[in-house]
Amino acid sequence: MEKYLFEKMENSINGLSNYDNLTKADIDTLIKAFEEMRKLYEE
């Protein structure tokens, strides 16, 4: 699921798609994933 969300986000950044298909839960999952990556990076 996370891979799908990252692909959707990447496509949106590249202008290939938009966030209309993402639900609030999808966006919350993306935020959580980025927060986890940040924590790992800062360790």
N, C-alpha and C. Protein backbone atom coordinates (compact mmCIF):
# COMPACT_ATOMS: atom_id res chain seq x y z
N MET A 1 0.82 -1.20 0.00
CA MET A 1 0.00 0.00 0.00
C MET A 1 0.86 1.26 0.00
N GLU A 2 1.91 1.28 0.83
CA GLU A 2 2.75 2.47 0.89
C GLU A 2 3.41 2.74 -0.46
N LYS A 3 3.84 1.69 -1.15
CA LYS A 3 4.47 1.88 -2.47
C LYS A 3 3.49 2.57 -3.41
N TYR A 4 2.24 2.15 -3.38
CA TYR A 4 1.21 2.77 -4.22
C TYR A 4 1.07 4.25 -3.88
N LEU A 5 1.05 4.57 -2.58
CA LEU A 5 0.88 5.96 -2.17
C LEU A 5 2.07 6.80 -2.60
N PHE A 6 3.29 6.26 -2.46
CA PHE A 6 4.46 7.00 -2.90
C PHE A 6 4.45 7.22 -4.40
N GLU A 7 4.00 6.23 -5.16
CA GLU A 7 3.91 6.38 -6.61
C GLU A 7 2.89 7.46 -6.96
N LYS A 8 1.75 7.48 -6.28
CA LYS A 8 0.74 8.51 -6.53
C LYS A 8 1.31 9.89 -6.23
N MET A 9 2.03 10.01 -5.11
CA MET A 9 2.61 11.28 -4.73
C MET A 9 3.67 11.71 -5.75
N GLU A 10 4.52 10.78 -6.17
CA GLU A 10 5.55 11.09 -7.15
C GLU A 10 4.93 11.53 -8.48
N ASN A 11 3.89 10.84 -8.91
CA ASN A 11 3.20 11.23 -10.14
C ASN A 11 2.61 12.62 -10.01
N SER A 12 2.07 12.93 -8.85
CA SER A 12 1.48 14.24 -8.65
C SER A 12 2.54 15.33 -8.72
N ILE A 13 3.68 15.07 -8.09
CA ILE A 13 4.78 16.04 -8.13
C ILE A 13 5.24 16.26 -9.56
N ASN A 14 5.25 15.21 -10.34
CA ASN A 14 5.69 15.30 -11.74
C ASN A 14 4.58 15.78 -12.67
N GLY A 15 3.42 16.11 -12.12
CA GLY A 15 2.33 16.62 -12.92
C GLY A 15 1.56 15.55 -13.68
N LEU A 16 1.76 14.29 -13.33
CA LEU A 16 1.11 13.20 -14.06
C LEU A 16 -0.23 12.82 -13.45
N SER A 17 -0.50 13.29 -12.27
CA SER A 17 -1.73 12.91 -11.57
C SER A 17 -2.04 14.02 -10.58
N ASN A 18 -3.02 13.77 -9.74
CA ASN A 18 -3.30 14.72 -8.68
C ASN A 18 -3.72 13.98 -7.42
N TYR A 19 -3.93 14.72 -6.37
CA TYR A 19 -4.27 14.11 -5.09
C TYR A 19 -5.76 13.80 -4.94
N ASP A 20 -6.55 14.06 -5.96
CA ASP A 20 -8.00 13.86 -5.84
C ASP A 20 -8.36 12.43 -5.47
N ASN A 21 -7.56 11.47 -5.92
CA ASN A 21 -7.88 10.08 -5.64
C ASN A 21 -7.42 9.62 -4.27
N LEU A 22 -6.63 10.43 -3.57
CA LEU A 22 -6.15 10.05 -2.25
C LEU A 22 -7.18 10.45 -1.19
N THR A 23 -7.41 9.53 -0.29
CA THR A 23 -8.32 9.82 0.82
C THR A 23 -7.54 10.45 1.96
N LYS A 24 -8.24 10.95 2.95
CA LYS A 24 -7.58 11.50 4.13
C LYS A 24 -6.71 10.43 4.78
N ALA A 25 -7.21 9.21 4.83
CA ALA A 25 -6.43 8.11 5.42
C ALA A 25 -5.14 7.86 4.63
N ASP A 26 -5.21 7.96 3.30
CA ASP A 26 -4.02 7.79 2.47
C ASP A 26 -2.98 8.87 2.79
N ILE A 27 -3.44 10.10 2.89
CA ILE A 27 -2.54 11.21 3.18
C ILE A 27 -1.95 11.07 4.58
N ASP A 28 -2.77 10.65 5.55
CA ASP A 28 -2.27 10.40 6.90
C ASP A 28 -1.20 9.32 6.90
N THR A 29 -1.39 8.28 6.09
CA THR A 29 -0.40 7.21 5.99
C THR A 29 0.90 7.74 5.40
N LEU A 30 0.80 8.59 4.39
CA LEU A 30 2.01 9.20 3.82
C LEU A 30 2.74 10.04 4.84
N ILE A 31 2.01 10.84 5.59
CA ILE A 31 2.62 11.69 6.61
C ILE A 31 3.34 10.83 7.64
N LYS A 32 2.68 9.77 8.08
CA LYS A 32 3.28 8.87 9.07
C LYS A 32 4.56 8.24 8.51
N ALA A 33 4.54 7.82 7.26
CA ALA A 33 5.71 7.21 6.64
C ALA A 33 6.87 8.21 6.57
N PHE A 34 6.58 9.46 6.21
CA PHE A 34 7.63 10.47 6.16
C PHE A 34 8.18 10.77 7.55
N GLU A 35 7.30 10.80 8.55
CA GLU A 35 7.77 11.02 9.91
C GLU A 35 8.69 9.89 10.36
N GLU A 36 8.36 8.66 10.01
CA GLU A 36 9.20 7.51 10.37
C GLU A 36 10.55 7.60 9.66
N MET A 37 10.54 7.98 8.39
CA MET A 37 11.80 8.13 7.65
C MET A 37 12.66 9.22 8.27
N ARG A 38 12.03 10.32 8.67
CA ARG A 38 12.77 11.42 9.29
C ARG A 38 13.42 10.97 10.58
N LYS A 39 12.69 10.22 11.40
CA LYS A 39 13.24 9.72 12.66
C LYS A 39 14.44 8.83 12.40
N LEU A 40 14.35 7.95 11.41
CA LEU A 40 15.47 7.07 11.09
C LEU A 40 16.66 7.87 10.57
N TYR A 41 16.39 8.89 9.80
CA TYR A 41 17.46 9.73 9.25
C TYR A 41 18.18 10.49 10.35
N GLU A 42 17.42 10.95 11.35
CA GLU A 42 18.00 11.77 12.41
C GLU A 42 18.76 10.95 13.44
N GLU A 43 18.63 9.62 13.42
CA GLU A 43 19.31 8.78 14.41
C GLU A 43 20.78 8.71 14.16
